Amino acid sequence: MSFFNTDEPTATVRMTGYMSYGPNTDGVASHVLQNGETYDVPKSEAEWLISSELAELA
């Protein structure tokens, strides 16, 4: 599953934590990457999530 709109190559990660992001108007994030779920994310995002210990390669 991917919520990212980019042409950057992706990597598949399994979340080991939670991360919310995206524009919002009411204080609630547009999207949440949930613990235990697998997502296709841009490689640069995958590198950041893994280095922050929020995800691992799936």
C-alpha atoms as a PDB file:
ATOM      1  CA  MET A   1       0.000   0.000   0.000  1.00  0.00           C
ATOM      2  CA  SER A   2       1.299   3.479  -0.799  1.00  0.00           C
ATOM      3  CA  PHE A   3      -0.018   6.972  -0.127  1.00  0.00           C
ATOM      4  CA  PHE A   4       2.967   8.720  -1.690  1.00  0.00           C
ATOM      5  CA  ASN A   5       2.655  10.531  -5.001  1.00  0.00           C
ATOM      6  CA  THR A   6       6.153  10.421  -6.495  1.00  0.00           C
ATOM      7  CA  ASP A   7       8.148   8.888  -9.318  1.00  0.00           C
ATOM      8  CA  GLU A   8      10.976   7.992  -6.912  1.00  0.00           C
ATOM      9  CA  PRO A   9      11.762   4.256  -6.720  1.00  0.00           C
ATOM     10  CA  THR A  10      10.100   2.612  -3.730  1.00  0.00           C
ATOM     11  CA  ALA A  11      11.065   0.163  -1.017  1.00  0.00           C
ATOM     12  CA  THR A  12       8.731  -2.032   1.008  1.00  0.00           C
ATOM     13  CA  VAL A  13       8.909  -1.486   4.756  1.00  0.00           C
ATOM     14  CA  ARG A  14       7.123  -2.970   7.745  1.00  0.00           C
ATOM     15  CA  MET A  15       6.373  -0.365  10.349  1.00  0.00           C
ATOM     16  CA  THR A  16       7.670  -0.985  13.884  1.00  0.00           C
ATOM     17  CA  GLY A  17       6.148   2.284  15.112  1.00  0.00           C
ATOM     18  CA  TYR A  18       3.555   4.831  14.031  1.00  0.00           C
ATOM     19  CA  MET A  19       3.972   7.897  11.827  1.00  0.00           C
ATOM     20  CA  SER A  20       1.285  10.317  10.716  1.00  0.00           C
ATOM     21  CA  TYR A  21       1.671  12.866   7.949  1.00  0.00           C
ATOM     22  CA  GLY A  22      -0.128  14.904   5.364  1.00  0.00           C
ATOM     23  CA  PRO A  23      -2.048  18.130   5.125  1.00  0.00           C
ATOM     24  CA  ASN A  24      -4.939  18.570   7.467  1.00  0.00           C
ATOM     25  CA  THR A  25      -7.399  21.246   8.478  1.00  0.00           C
ATOM     26  CA  ASP A  26      -8.681  19.872  11.772  1.00  0.00           C
ATOM     27  CA  GLY A  27      -5.472  18.701  13.473  1.00  0.00           C
ATOM     28  CA  VAL A  28      -5.852  15.097  12.312  1.00  0.00           C
ATOM     29  CA  ALA A  29      -3.217  13.787   9.907  1.00  0.00           C
ATOM     30  CA  SER A  30      -4.298  12.734   6.423  1.00  0.00           C
ATOM     31  CA  HIS A  31      -2.521   9.387   6.628  1.00  0.00           C
ATOM     32  CA  VAL A  32      -1.078   7.171   9.320  1.00  0.00           C
ATOM     33  CA  LEU A  33       1.579   4.515   8.784  1.00  0.00           C
ATOM     34  CA  GLN A  34       0.557   1.959  11.398  1.00  0.00           C
ATOM     35  CA  ASN A  35       2.679  -0.373  13.497  1.00  0.00           C
ATOM     36  CA  GLY A  36       2.866  -3.879  11.988  1.00  0.00           C
ATOM     37  CA  GLU A  37       1.570  -2.850   8.555  1.00  0.00           C
ATOM     38  CA  THR A  38       3.585  -3.050   5.328  1.00  0.00           C
ATOM     39  CA  TYR A  39       3.877  -0.087   2.937  1.00  0.00           C
ATOM     40  CA  ASP A  40       5.633   0.805  -0.305  1.00  0.00           C
ATOM     41  CA  VAL A  41       7.384   4.103   0.352  1.00  0.00           C
ATOM     42  CA  PRO A  42       9.892   6.210  -1.596  1.00  0.00           C
ATOM     43  CA  LYS A  43      13.443   4.975  -0.947  1.00  0.00           C
ATOM     44  CA  SER A  44      14.453   8.242   0.745  1.00  0.00           C
ATOM     45  CA  GLU A  45      11.484   7.924   3.111  1.00  0.00           C
ATOM     46  CA  ALA A  46      12.341   4.265   3.782  1.00  0.00           C
ATOM     47  CA  GLU A  47      15.901   5.230   4.714  1.00  0.00           C
ATOM     48  CA  TRP A  48      14.606   7.841   7.163  1.00  0.00           C
ATOM     49  CA  LEU A  49      12.015   5.502   8.711  1.00  0.00           C
ATOM     50  CA  ILE A  50      14.589   2.736   9.173  1.00  0.00           C
ATOM     51  CA  SER A  51      17.274   5.055  10.599  1.00  0.00           C
ATOM     52  CA  SER A  52      14.668   6.443  13.020  1.00  0.00           C
ATOM     53  CA  GLU A  53      13.796   2.875  14.089  1.00  0.00           C
ATOM     54  CA  LEU A  54      10.192   3.305  12.952  1.00  0.00           C
ATOM     55  CA  ALA A  55      10.389   0.605  10.258  1.00  0.00           C
ATOM     56  CA  GLU A  56      12.362  -2.327   8.884  1.00  0.00           C
ATOM     57  CA  LEU A  57      12.721  -3.652   5.360  1.00  0.00           C
ATOM     58  CA  ALA A  58       9.969  -6.127   4.588  1.00  0.00           C
END
